[in-house]
PDB file of N, CA and C in Angstrom:
ATOM      1  N   UNK A   1      19.384   5.357   3.677  1.00  0.00           N
ATOM      2  CA  UNK A   1      19.741   4.486   4.770  1.00  0.00           C
ATOM      3  C   UNK A   1      19.960   3.074   4.237  1.00  0.00           C
ATOM      4  N   UNK A   2      21.093   2.795   3.677  1.00  0.00           N
ATOM      5  CA  UNK A   2      21.334   1.465   3.130  1.00  0.00           C
ATOM      6  C   UNK A   2      21.256   0.415   4.229  1.00  0.00           C
ATOM      7  N   UNK A   3      20.723  -0.727   3.853  1.00  0.00           N
ATOM      8  CA  UNK A   3      20.671  -1.840   4.782  1.00  0.00           C
ATOM      9  C   UNK A   3      19.450  -1.867   5.675  1.00  0.00           C
ATOM     10  N   UNK A   4      18.621  -0.844   5.660  1.00  0.00           N
ATOM     11  CA  UNK A   4      17.415  -0.835   6.491  1.00  0.00           C
ATOM     12  C   UNK A   4      16.209  -1.179   5.629  1.00  0.00           C
ATOM     13  N   UNK A   5      15.311  -1.949   6.209  1.00  0.00           N
ATOM     14  CA  UNK A   5      14.045  -2.198   5.526  1.00  0.00           C
ATOM     15  C   UNK A   5      13.328  -0.863   5.328  1.00  0.00           C
ATOM     16  N   UNK A   6      12.554  -0.785   4.228  1.00  0.00           N
ATOM     17  CA  UNK A   6      11.811   0.422   3.900  1.00  0.00           C
ATOM     18  C   UNK A   6      10.327   0.081   3.859  1.00  0.00           C
ATOM     19  N   UNK A   7       9.522   0.762   4.660  1.00  0.00           N
ATOM     20  CA  UNK A   7       8.078   0.512   4.725  1.00  0.00           C
ATOM     21  C   UNK A   7       7.339   1.575   3.919  1.00  0.00           C
ATOM     22  N   UNK A   8       6.467   1.114   3.059  1.00  0.00           N
ATOM     23  CA  UNK A   8       5.655   1.981   2.193  1.00  0.00           C
ATOM     24  C   UNK A   8       4.199   1.640   2.466  1.00  0.00           C
ATOM     25  N   UNK A   9       3.499   2.534   3.143  1.00  0.00           N
ATOM     26  CA  UNK A   9       2.099   2.320   3.497  1.00  0.00           C
ATOM     27  C   UNK A   9       1.259   3.359   2.767  1.00  0.00           C
ATOM     28  N   UNK A  10       0.222   2.897   2.082  1.00  0.00           N
ATOM     29  CA  UNK A  10      -0.643   3.805   1.339  1.00  0.00           C
ATOM     30  C   UNK A  10      -2.079   3.554   1.774  1.00  0.00           C
ATOM     31  N   UNK A  11      -2.784   4.648   2.052  1.00  0.00           N
ATOM     32  CA  UNK A  11      -4.162   4.584   2.521  1.00  0.00           C
ATOM     33  C   UNK A  11      -5.038   5.301   1.501  1.00  0.00           C
ATOM     34  N   UNK A  12      -5.907   4.539   0.838  1.00  0.00           N
ATOM     35  CA  UNK A  12      -6.728   5.039  -0.260  1.00  0.00           C
ATOM     36  C   UNK A  12      -8.156   5.311   0.219  1.00  0.00           C
ATOM     37  N   UNK A  13      -8.709   6.403  -0.246  1.00  0.00           N
ATOM     38  CA  UNK A  13     -10.122   6.684  -0.048  1.00  0.00           C
ATOM     39  C   UNK A  13     -10.793   6.472  -1.406  1.00  0.00           C
ATOM     40  N   UNK A  14     -11.724   5.523  -1.463  1.00  0.00           N
ATOM     41  CA  UNK A  14     -12.335   5.156  -2.735  1.00  0.00           C
ATOM     42  C   UNK A  14     -13.528   6.031  -3.063  1.00  0.00           C
ATOM     43  N   UNK A  15     -13.721   6.263  -4.340  1.00  0.00           N
ATOM     44  CA  UNK A  15     -14.867   7.019  -4.821  1.00  0.00           C
ATOM     45  C   UNK A  15     -16.133   6.166  -4.725  1.00  0.00           C
ATOM     46  N   UNK A  16     -16.000   4.900  -5.047  1.00  0.00           N
ATOM     47  CA  UNK A  16     -17.129   3.962  -5.040  1.00  0.00           C
ATOM     48  C   UNK A  16     -16.765   2.820  -4.105  1.00  0.00           C
ATOM     49  N   UNK A  17     -17.552   2.624  -3.065  1.00  0.00           N
ATOM     50  CA  UNK A  17     -17.252   1.571  -2.096  1.00  0.00           C
ATOM     51  C   UNK A  17     -18.181   0.363  -2.255  1.00  0.00           C
ATOM     52  N   UNK A  18     -18.777   0.199  -3.434  1.00  0.00           N
ATOM     53  CA  UNK A  18     -19.587  -0.994  -3.689  1.00  0.00           C
ATOM     54  C   UNK A  18     -18.670  -2.213  -3.756  1.00  0.00           C
ATOM     55  N   UNK A  19     -19.209  -3.375  -3.494  1.00  0.00           N
ATOM     56  CA  UNK A  19     -18.397  -4.597  -3.518  1.00  0.00           C
ATOM     57  C   UNK A  19     -17.649  -4.783  -4.837  1.00  0.00           C
ATOM     58  N   UNK A  20     -18.316  -4.619  -5.998  1.00  0.00           N
ATOM     59  CA  UNK A  20     -17.569  -4.798  -7.256  1.00  0.00           C
ATOM     60  C   UNK A  20     -16.430  -3.798  -7.418  1.00  0.00           C
ATOM     61  N   UNK A  21     -16.640  -2.550  -7.013  1.00  0.00           N
ATOM     62  CA  UNK A  21     -15.595  -1.532  -7.158  1.00  0.00           C
ATOM     63  C   UNK A  21     -14.427  -1.812  -6.221  1.00  0.00           C
ATOM     64  N   UNK A  22     -14.717  -2.216  -4.999  1.00  0.00           N
ATOM     65  CA  UNK A  22     -13.652  -2.541  -4.038  1.00  0.00           C
ATOM     66  C   UNK A  22     -12.871  -3.748  -4.533  1.00  0.00           C
ATOM     67  N   UNK A  23     -13.572  -4.780  -4.981  1.00  0.00           N
ATOM     68  CA  UNK A  23     -12.896  -5.981  -5.493  1.00  0.00           C
ATOM     69  C   UNK A  23     -11.992  -5.633  -6.673  1.00  0.00           C
ATOM     70  N   UNK A  24     -12.478  -4.795  -7.578  1.00  0.00           N
ATOM     71  CA  UNK A  24     -11.669  -4.405  -8.742  1.00  0.00           C
ATOM     72  C   UNK A  24     -10.426  -3.645  -8.287  1.00  0.00           C
ATOM     73  N   UNK A  25     -10.582  -2.738  -7.340  1.00  0.00           N
ATOM     74  CA  UNK A  25      -9.439  -1.966  -6.854  1.00  0.00           C
ATOM     75  C   UNK A  25      -8.410  -2.882  -6.199  1.00  0.00           C
ATOM     76  N   UNK A  26      -8.871  -3.787  -5.348  1.00  0.00           N
ATOM     77  CA  UNK A  26      -7.953  -4.726  -4.696  1.00  0.00           C
ATOM     78  C   UNK A  26      -7.246  -5.600  -5.727  1.00  0.00           C
ATOM     79  N   UNK A  27      -7.973  -6.035  -6.757  1.00  0.00           N
ATOM     80  CA  UNK A  27      -7.358  -6.839  -7.818  1.00  0.00           C
ATOM     81  C   UNK A  27      -6.260  -6.057  -8.547  1.00  0.00           C
ATOM     82  N   UNK A  28      -6.499  -4.770  -8.824  1.00  0.00           N
ATOM     83  CA  UNK A  28      -5.468  -3.941  -9.450  1.00  0.00           C
ATOM     84  C   UNK A  28      -4.244  -3.831  -8.547  1.00  0.00           C
ATOM     85  N   UNK A  29      -4.470  -3.653  -7.256  1.00  0.00           N
ATOM     86  CA  UNK A  29      -3.343  -3.560  -6.316  1.00  0.00           C
ATOM     87  C   UNK A  29      -2.486  -4.817  -6.381  1.00  0.00           C
ATOM     88  N   UNK A  30      -3.135  -5.966  -6.320  1.00  0.00           N
ATOM     89  CA  UNK A  30      -2.393  -7.228  -6.350  1.00  0.00           C
ATOM     90  C   UNK A  30      -1.687  -7.397  -7.690  1.00  0.00           C
ATOM     91  N   UNK A  31      -2.409  -7.124  -8.792  1.00  0.00           N
ATOM     92  CA  UNK A  31      -1.843  -7.325 -10.132  1.00  0.00           C
ATOM     93  C   UNK A  31      -0.606  -6.465 -10.374  1.00  0.00           C
ATOM     94  N   UNK A  32      -0.659  -5.205  -9.992  1.00  0.00           N
ATOM     95  CA  UNK A  32       0.402  -4.269 -10.354  1.00  0.00           C
ATOM     96  C   UNK A  32       1.407  -3.973  -9.253  1.00  0.00           C
ATOM     97  N   UNK A  33       1.026  -4.160  -8.011  1.00  0.00           N
ATOM     98  CA  UNK A  33       1.883  -3.689  -6.916  1.00  0.00           C
ATOM     99  C   UNK A  33       2.526  -4.783  -6.089  1.00  0.00           C
ATOM    100  N   UNK A  34       2.103  -6.022  -6.254  1.00  0.00           N
ATOM    101  CA  UNK A  34       2.708  -7.109  -5.482  1.00  0.00           C
ATOM    102  C   UNK A  34       3.772  -7.826  -6.310  1.00  0.00           C
ATOM    103  N   UNK A  35       4.564  -8.613  -5.636  1.00  0.00           N
ATOM    104  CA  UNK A  35       5.567  -9.466  -6.273  1.00  0.00           C
ATOM    105  C   UNK A  35       6.666  -8.714  -7.013  1.00  0.00           C
ATOM    106  N   UNK A  36       7.030  -7.550  -6.509  1.00  0.00           N
ATOM    107  CA  UNK A  36       8.164  -6.818  -7.077  1.00  0.00           C
ATOM    108  C   UNK A  36       9.451  -7.308  -6.428  1.00  0.00           C
ATOM    109  N   UNK A  37      10.531  -7.212  -7.162  1.00  0.00           N
ATOM    110  CA  UNK A  37      11.841  -7.584  -6.636  1.00  0.00           C
ATOM    111  C   UNK A  37      12.130  -6.781  -5.367  1.00  0.00           C
ATOM    112  N   UNK A  38      12.531  -7.465  -4.325  1.00  0.00           N
ATOM    113  CA  UNK A  38      12.892  -6.798  -3.091  1.00  0.00           C
ATOM    114  C   UNK A  38      11.764  -6.606  -2.097  1.00  0.00           C
ATOM    115  N   UNK A  39      10.534  -6.983  -2.474  1.00  0.00           N
ATOM    116  CA  UNK A  39       9.435  -6.912  -1.510  1.00  0.00           C
ATOM    117  C   UNK A  39       9.543  -8.086  -0.550  1.00  0.00           C
ATOM    118  N   UNK A  40       9.478  -7.791   0.727  1.00  0.00           N
ATOM    119  CA  UNK A  40       9.482  -8.873   1.719  1.00  0.00           C
ATOM    120  C   UNK A  40       8.124  -9.019   2.379  1.00  0.00           C
ATOM    121  N   UNK A  41       7.226  -8.045   2.141  1.00  0.00           N
ATOM    122  CA  UNK A  41       5.863  -8.124   2.667  1.00  0.00           C
ATOM    123  C   UNK A  41       4.955  -7.290   1.783  1.00  0.00           C
ATOM    124  N   UNK A  42       3.773  -7.836   1.496  1.00  0.00           N
ATOM    125  CA  UNK A  42       2.725  -7.110   0.789  1.00  0.00           C
ATOM    126  C   UNK A  42       1.398  -7.522   1.393  1.00  0.00           C
ATOM    127  N   UNK A  43       0.588  -6.552   1.798  1.00  0.00           N
ATOM    128  CA  UNK A  43      -0.751  -6.890   2.295  1.00  0.00           C
ATOM    129  C   UNK A  43      -1.707  -5.742   2.015  1.00  0.00           C
ATOM    130  N   UNK A  44      -2.977  -6.110   1.913  1.00  0.00           N
ATOM    131  CA  UNK A  44      -4.065  -5.166   1.697  1.00  0.00           C
ATOM    132  C   UNK A  44      -5.120  -5.406   2.757  1.00  0.00           C
ATOM    133  N   UNK A  45      -5.825  -4.368   3.141  1.00  0.00           N
ATOM    134  CA  UNK A  45      -6.923  -4.535   4.080  1.00  0.00           C
ATOM    135  C   UNK A  45      -7.907  -3.400   3.955  1.00  0.00           C
ATOM    136  N   UNK A  46      -9.107  -3.661   4.428  1.00  0.00           N
ATOM    137  CA  UNK A  46     -10.139  -2.634   4.478  1.00  0.00           C
ATOM    138  C   UNK A  46     -10.160  -2.031   5.875  1.00  0.00           C
ATOM    139  N   UNK A  47     -10.512  -0.748   5.941  1.00  0.00           N
ATOM    140  CA  UNK A  47     -10.566  -0.058   7.230  1.00  0.00           C
ATOM    141  C   UNK A  47     -11.520  -0.789   8.172  1.00  0.00           C
ATOM    142  N   UNK A  48     -11.132  -0.889   9.414  1.00  0.00           N
ATOM    143  CA  UNK A  48     -11.953  -1.523  10.448  1.00  0.00           C
ATOM    144  C   UNK A  48     -13.049  -0.531  10.843  1.00  0.00           C
ATOM    145  N   UNK A  49     -14.186  -0.629  10.170  1.00  0.00           N
ATOM    146  CA  UNK A  49     -15.263   0.342  10.379  1.00  0.00           C
ATOM    147  C   UNK A  49     -15.934   0.199  11.743  1.00  0.00           C
ATOM    148  N   UNK A  50     -15.619  -0.867  12.454  1.00  0.00           N
ATOM    149  CA  UNK A  50     -16.221  -1.059  13.769  1.00  0.00           C
ATOM    150  C   UNK A  50     -15.392  -0.438  14.895  1.00  0.00           C
ATOM    151  N   UNK A  51     -14.314   0.239  14.554  1.00  0.00           N
ATOM    152  CA  UNK A  51     -13.469   0.917  15.540  1.00  0.00           C
ATOM    153  C   UNK A  51     -13.833   2.403  15.533  1.00  0.00           C
ATOM    154  N   UNK A  52     -14.166   2.931  16.690  1.00  0.00           N
ATOM    155  CA  UNK A  52     -14.595   4.333  16.790  1.00  0.00           C
ATOM    156  C   UNK A  52     -13.857   5.057  17.917  1.00  0.00           C
ATOM    157  N   UNK A  53     -12.542   4.952  17.917  1.00  0.00           N
ATOM    158  CA  UNK A  53     -11.737   5.629  18.922  1.00  0.00           C
ATOM    159  C   UNK A  53     -11.355   7.021  18.428  1.00  0.00           C
ATOM    160  N   UNK A  54     -11.148   7.942  19.343  1.00  0.00           N
ATOM    161  CA  UNK A  54     -10.773   9.308  18.969  1.00  0.00           C
ATOM    162  C   UNK A  54      -9.484   9.342  18.152  1.00  0.00           C
ATOM    163  N   UNK A  55      -8.591   8.414  18.405  1.00  0.00           N
ATOM    164  CA  UNK A  55      -7.298   8.410  17.711  1.00  0.00           C
ATOM    165  C   UNK A  55      -7.330   7.650  16.389  1.00  0.00           C
ATOM    166  N   UNK A  56      -8.428   6.995  16.089  1.00  0.00           N
ATOM    167  CA  UNK A  56      -8.526   6.195  14.858  1.00  0.00           C
ATOM    168  C   UNK A  56      -8.869   7.082  13.669  1.00  0.00           C
ATOM    169  N   UNK A  57      -8.064   6.988  12.639  1.00  0.00           N
ATOM    170  CA  UNK A  57      -8.268   7.735  11.408  1.00  0.00           C
ATOM    171  C   UNK A  57      -9.309   7.006  10.561  1.00  0.00           C
ATOM    172  N   UNK A  58     -10.352   7.697  10.186  1.00  0.00           N
ATOM    173  CA  UNK A  58     -11.397   7.068   9.378  1.00  0.00           C
ATOM    174  C   UNK A  58     -11.456   7.661   7.966  1.00  0.00           C
ATOM    175  N   UNK A  59     -10.393   8.304   7.544  1.00  0.00           N
ATOM    176  CA  UNK A  59     -10.400   8.973   6.241  1.00  0.00           C
ATOM    177  C   UNK A  59      -9.839   8.101   5.118  1.00  0.00           C
ATOM    178  N   UNK A  60      -9.943   6.789   5.260  1.00  0.00           N
ATOM    179  CA  UNK A  60      -9.482   5.889   4.201  1.00  0.00           C
ATOM    180  C   UNK A  60     -10.387   4.670   4.152  1.00  0.00           C
ATOM    181  N   UNK A  61     -10.315   3.948   3.055  1.00  0.00           N
ATOM    182  CA  UNK A  61     -11.093   2.724   2.866  1.00  0.00           C
ATOM    183  C   UNK A  61     -10.200   1.500   2.731  1.00  0.00           C
ATOM    184  N   UNK A  62      -9.093   1.642   1.992  1.00  0.00           N
ATOM    185  CA  UNK A  62      -8.184   0.527   1.730  1.00  0.00           C
ATOM    186  C   UNK A  62      -6.794   0.881   2.228  1.00  0.00           C
ATOM    187  N   UNK A  63      -6.182  -0.037   2.951  1.00  0.00           N
ATOM    188  CA  UNK A  63      -4.812   0.136   3.425  1.00  0.00           C
ATOM    189  C   UNK A  63      -3.914  -0.858   2.704  1.00  0.00           C
ATOM    190  N   UNK A  64      -2.803  -0.356   2.188  1.00  0.00           N
ATOM    191  CA  UNK A  64      -1.820  -1.224   1.548  1.00  0.00           C
ATOM    192  C   UNK A  64      -0.508  -1.081   2.306  1.00  0.00           C
ATOM    193  N   UNK A  65       0.103  -2.232   2.615  1.00  0.00           N
ATOM    194  CA  UNK A  65       1.356  -2.245   3.367  1.00  0.00           C
ATOM    195  C   UNK A  65       2.393  -3.021   2.558  1.00  0.00           C
ATOM    196  N   UNK A  66       3.487  -2.349   2.247  1.00  0.00           N
ATOM    197  CA  UNK A  66       4.567  -3.018   1.527  1.00  0.00           C
ATOM    198  C   UNK A  66       5.868  -2.735   2.270  1.00  0.00           C
ATOM    199  N   UNK A  67       6.648  -3.781   2.467  1.00  0.00           N
ATOM    200  CA  UNK A  67       7.975  -3.613   3.055  1.00  0.00           C
ATOM    201  C   UNK A  67       8.998  -4.128   2.054  1.00  0.00           C
ATOM    202  N   UNK A  68      10.005  -3.303   1.814  1.00  0.00           N
ATOM    203  CA  UNK A  68      11.073  -3.625   0.880  1.00  0.00           C
ATOM    204  C   UNK A  68      12.359  -3.901   1.639  1.00  0.00           C
ATOM    205  N   UNK A  69      13.246  -4.652   1.005  1.00  0.00           N
ATOM    206  CA  UNK A  69      14.555  -4.956   1.599  1.00  0.00           C
ATOM    207  C   UNK A  69      15.323  -3.691   1.950  1.00  0.00           C
ATOM    208  N   UNK A  70      15.159  -2.648   1.117  1.00  0.00           N
ATOM    209  CA  UNK A  70      15.878  -1.393   1.335  1.00  0.00           C
ATOM    210  C   UNK A  70      15.269  -0.310   0.454  1.00  0.00           C
ATOM    211  N   UNK A  71      15.738   0.890   0.626  1.00  0.00           N
ATOM    212  CA  UNK A  71      15.211   2.035  -0.116  1.00  0.00           C
ATOM    213  C   UNK A  71      15.424   1.876  -1.621  1.00  0.00           C
ATOM    214  N   UNK A  72      16.550   1.311  -2.018  1.00  0.00           N
ATOM    215  CA  UNK A  72      16.812   1.114  -3.443  1.00  0.00           C
ATOM    216  C   UNK A  72      15.766   0.245  -4.114  1.00  0.00           C
ATOM    217  N   UNK A  73      15.328  -0.821  -3.440  1.00  0.00           N
ATOM    218  CA  UNK A  73      14.289  -1.694  -4.002  1.00  0.00           C
ATOM    219  C   UNK A  73      12.964  -0.945  -4.109  1.00  0.00           C
ATOM    220  N   UNK A  74      12.686  -0.086  -3.115  1.00  0.00           N
ATOM    221  CA  UNK A  74      11.481   0.745  -3.202  1.00  0.00           C
ATOM    222  C   UNK A  74      11.578   1.693  -4.398  1.00  0.00           C
ATOM    223  N   UNK A  75      12.728   2.336  -4.581  1.00  0.00           N
ATOM    224  CA  UNK A  75      12.903   3.262  -5.701  1.00  0.00           C
ATOM    225  C   UNK A  75      12.682   2.559  -7.036  1.00  0.00           C
ATOM    226  N   UNK A  76      13.189   1.325  -7.154  1.00  0.00           N
ATOM    227  CA  UNK A  76      12.968   0.544  -8.378  1.00  0.00           C
ATOM    228  C   UNK A  76      11.479   0.290  -8.595  1.00  0.00           C
ATOM    229  N   UNK A  77      10.781  -0.095  -7.531  1.00  0.00           N
ATOM    230  CA  UNK A  77       9.338  -0.339  -7.589  1.00  0.00           C
ATOM    231  C   UNK A  77       8.591   0.926  -8.017  1.00  0.00           C
ATOM    232  N   UNK A  78       8.923   2.054  -7.391  1.00  0.00           N
ATOM    233  CA  UNK A  78       8.219   3.308  -7.670  1.00  0.00           C
ATOM    234  C   UNK A  78       8.370   3.733  -9.129  1.00  0.00           C
ATOM    235  N   UNK A  79       9.513   3.422  -9.738  1.00  0.00           N
ATOM    236  CA  UNK A  79       9.769   3.798 -11.127  1.00  0.00           C
ATOM    237  C   UNK A  79       9.331   2.727 -12.125  1.00  0.00           C
ATOM    238  N   UNK A  80       8.859   1.581 -11.626  1.00  0.00           N
ATOM    239  CA  UNK A  80       8.559   0.446 -12.502  1.00  0.00           C
ATOM    240  C   UNK A  80       7.322   0.694 -13.367  1.00  0.00           C
ATOM    241  N   UNK A  81       7.278   0.011 -14.499  1.00  0.00           N
ATOM    242  CA  UNK A  81       6.122   0.108 -15.387  1.00  0.00           C
ATOM    243  C   UNK A  81       4.844  -0.401 -14.721  1.00  0.00           C
ATOM    244  N   UNK A  82       4.881  -1.525 -13.984  1.00  0.00           N
ATOM    245  CA  UNK A  82       3.651  -1.955 -13.319  1.00  0.00           C
ATOM    246  C   UNK A  82       3.098  -0.899 -12.353  1.00  0.00           C
ATOM    247  N   UNK A  83       3.970  -0.209 -11.637  1.00  0.00           N
ATOM    248  CA  UNK A  83       3.506   0.842 -10.723  1.00  0.00           C
ATOM    249  C   UNK A  83       2.847   1.972 -11.525  1.00  0.00           C
ATOM    250  N   UNK A  84       3.448   2.347 -12.636  1.00  0.00           N
ATOM    251  CA  UNK A  84       2.856   3.375 -13.493  1.00  0.00           C
ATOM    252  C   UNK A  84       1.526   2.900 -14.075  1.00  0.00           C
ATOM    253  N   UNK A  85       1.459   1.620 -14.453  1.00  0.00           N
ATOM    254  CA  UNK A  85       0.214   1.057 -14.981  1.00  0.00           C
ATOM    255  C   UNK A  85      -0.889   1.089 -13.927  1.00  0.00           C
ATOM    256  N   UNK A  86      -0.535   0.824 -12.672  1.00  0.00           N
ATOM    257  CA  UNK A  86      -1.518   0.885 -11.586  1.00  0.00           C
ATOM    258  C   UNK A  86      -2.108   2.299 -11.497  1.00  0.00           C
ATOM    259  N   UNK A  87      -1.259   3.295 -11.562  1.00  0.00           N
ATOM    260  CA  UNK A  87      -1.726   4.677 -11.475  1.00  0.00           C
ATOM    261  C   UNK A  87      -2.696   4.982 -12.616  1.00  0.00           C
ATOM    262  N   UNK A  88      -2.351   4.515 -13.810  1.00  0.00           N
ATOM    263  CA  UNK A  88      -3.214   4.741 -14.970  1.00  0.00           C
ATOM    264  C   UNK A  88      -4.530   3.987 -14.846  1.00  0.00           C
ATOM    265  N   UNK A  89      -4.458   2.696 -14.506  1.00  0.00           N
ATOM    266  CA  UNK A  89      -5.650   1.839 -14.436  1.00  0.00           C
ATOM    267  C   UNK A  89      -6.629   2.270 -13.347  1.00  0.00           C
ATOM    268  N   UNK A  90      -6.125   2.830 -12.258  1.00  0.00           N
ATOM    269  CA  UNK A  90      -6.999   3.175 -11.133  1.00  0.00           C
ATOM    270  C   UNK A  90      -7.364   4.657 -11.088  1.00  0.00           C
ATOM    271  N   UNK A  91      -6.949   5.396 -12.108  1.00  0.00           N
ATOM    272  CA  UNK A  91      -7.311   6.823 -12.148  1.00  0.00           C
ATOM    273  C   UNK A  91      -8.825   6.963 -12.050  1.00  0.00           C
ATOM    274  N   UNK A  92      -9.271   7.790 -11.140  1.00  0.00           N
ATOM    275  CA  UNK A  92     -10.707   8.001 -10.966  1.00  0.00           C
ATOM    276  C   UNK A  92     -11.367   7.048  -9.985  1.00  0.00           C
ATOM    277  N   UNK A  93     -10.632   6.071  -9.471  1.00  0.00           N
ATOM    278  CA  UNK A  93     -11.228   5.128  -8.519  1.00  0.00           C
ATOM    279  C   UNK A  93     -11.122   5.610  -7.077  1.00  0.00           C
ATOM    280  N   UNK A  94     -10.183   6.516  -6.823  1.00  0.00           N
ATOM    281  CA  UNK A  94     -10.033   7.006  -5.451  1.00  0.00           C
ATOM    282  C   UNK A  94     -10.084   8.530  -5.438  1.00  0.00           C
ATOM    283  N   UNK A  95     -10.570   9.046  -4.329  1.00  0.00           N
ATOM    284  CA  UNK A  95     -10.654  10.494  -4.180  1.00  0.00           C
ATOM    285  C   UNK A  95      -9.397  11.050  -3.536  1.00  0.00           C
ATOM    286  N   UNK A  96      -8.558  10.162  -3.048  1.00  0.00           N
ATOM    287  CA  UNK A  96      -7.322  10.599  -2.443  1.00  0.00           C
ATOM    288  C   UNK A  96      -6.556   9.438  -1.853  1.00  0.00           C
ATOM    289  N   UNK A  97      -5.326   9.719  -1.513  1.00  0.00           N
ATOM    290  CA  UNK A  97      -4.492   8.702  -0.882  1.00  0.00           C
ATOM    291  C   UNK A  97      -3.487   9.397   0.019  1.00  0.00           C
ATOM    292  N   UNK A  98      -3.124   8.714   1.060  1.00  0.00           N
ATOM    293  CA  UNK A  98      -2.073   9.189   1.962  1.00  0.00           C
ATOM    294  C   UNK A  98      -0.958   8.173   1.905  1.00  0.00           C
ATOM    295  N   UNK A  99       0.258   8.651   1.731  1.00  0.00           N
ATOM    296  CA  UNK A  99       1.425   7.774   1.638  1.00  0.00           C
ATOM    297  C   UNK A  99       2.287   8.026   2.864  1.00  0.00           C
ATOM    298  N   UNK A 100       2.593   6.955   3.578  1.00  0.00           N
ATOM    299  CA  UNK A 100       3.439   7.034   4.763  1.00  0.00           C
ATOM    300  C   UNK A 100       4.631   6.116   4.546  1.00  0.00           C
ATOM    301  N   UNK A 101       5.806   6.700   4.422  1.00  0.00           N
ATOM    302  CA  UNK A 101       7.032   5.947   4.193  1.00  0.00           C
ATOM    303  C   UNK A 101       7.929   6.066   5.413  1.00  0.00           C
ATOM    304  N   UNK A 102       8.601   4.969   5.741  1.00  0.00           N
ATOM    305  CA  UNK A 102       9.509   5.002   6.895  1.00  0.00           C
ATOM    306  C   UNK A 102      10.567   3.923   6.759  1.00  0.00           C
ATOM    307  N   UNK A 103      11.657   4.147   7.467  1.00  0.00           N
ATOM    308  CA  UNK A 103      12.673   3.116   7.617  1.00  0.00           C
ATOM    309  C   UNK A 103      12.338   2.324   8.869  1.00  0.00           C
ATOM    310  N   UNK A 104      12.513   1.027   8.796  1.00  0.00           N
ATOM    311  CA  UNK A 104      12.227   0.183   9.954  1.00  0.00           C
ATOM    312  C   UNK A 104      13.485   0.105  10.808  1.00  0.00           C
ATOM    313  N   UNK A 105      13.403   0.637  11.994  1.00  0.00           N
ATOM    314  CA  UNK A 105      14.524   0.683  12.915  1.00  0.00           C
ATOM    315  C   UNK A 105      14.647  -0.580  13.751  1.00  0.00           C
ATOM    316  N   UNK A 106      13.515  -1.127  14.118  1.00  0.00           N
ATOM    317  CA  UNK A 106      13.504  -2.333  14.939  1.00  0.00           C
ATOM    318  C   UNK A 106      12.424  -3.259  14.415  1.00  0.00           C
ATOM    319  N   UNK A 107      12.731  -4.520  14.355  1.00  0.00           N
ATOM    320  CA  UNK A 107      11.717  -5.481  13.945  1.00  0.00           C
ATOM    321  C   UNK A 107      11.664  -6.579  14.986  1.00  0.00           C
ATOM    322  N   UNK A 108      10.466  -7.013  15.252  1.00  0.00           N
ATOM    323  CA  UNK A 108      10.257  -8.010  16.286  1.00  0.00           C
ATOM    324  C   UNK A 108      10.119  -9.398  15.660  1.00  0.00           C
ATOM    325  N   UNK A 109       9.191  -9.539  14.713  1.00  0.00           N
ATOM    326  CA  UNK A 109       8.963 -10.831  14.072  1.00  0.00           C
ATOM    327  C   UNK A 109       8.526 -10.627  12.631  1.00  0.00           C
ATOM    328  N   UNK A 110       8.524 -11.694  11.900  1.00  0.00           N
ATOM    329  CA  UNK A 110       7.918 -11.707  10.588  1.00  0.00           C
ATOM    330  C   UNK A 110       8.786 -11.317   9.413  1.00  0.00           C
ATOM    331  N   UNK A 111       9.915 -10.705   9.640  1.00  0.00           N
ATOM    332  CA  UNK A 111      10.788 -10.341   8.531  1.00  0.00           C
ATOM    333  C   UNK A 111      12.097 -11.089   8.663  1.00  0.00           C
ATOM    334  N   UNK A 112      12.703 -11.413   7.531  1.00  0.00           N
ATOM    335  CA  UNK A 112      13.977 -12.138   7.598  1.00  0.00           C
ATOM    336  C   UNK A 112      15.083 -11.313   8.261  1.00  0.00           C
TER     337      UNK A 112
END
């Protein structure tokens, strides 16, 4: 879908949720996954543990949200050496991850 923003959301479940381990994981995310060509948004957050709704997914610890100018910029990011380095550096830090990718059809605010 040329010309559409591409959203890449990854939800990580960490093996160790101690403060030092979480800080190290977040630092790796910023070091290797932010500031890529074509990124228009990058953010990280911890699961809101105070939310207990039936529809709320509690199977993750860290949420990463990246929006790219288009699918091509995402493809470049996915194949990049920093992305590969992140996978290597964080091996064993998470027990799993869920990746949710989508094209942004409508945007309200915050993106150019």
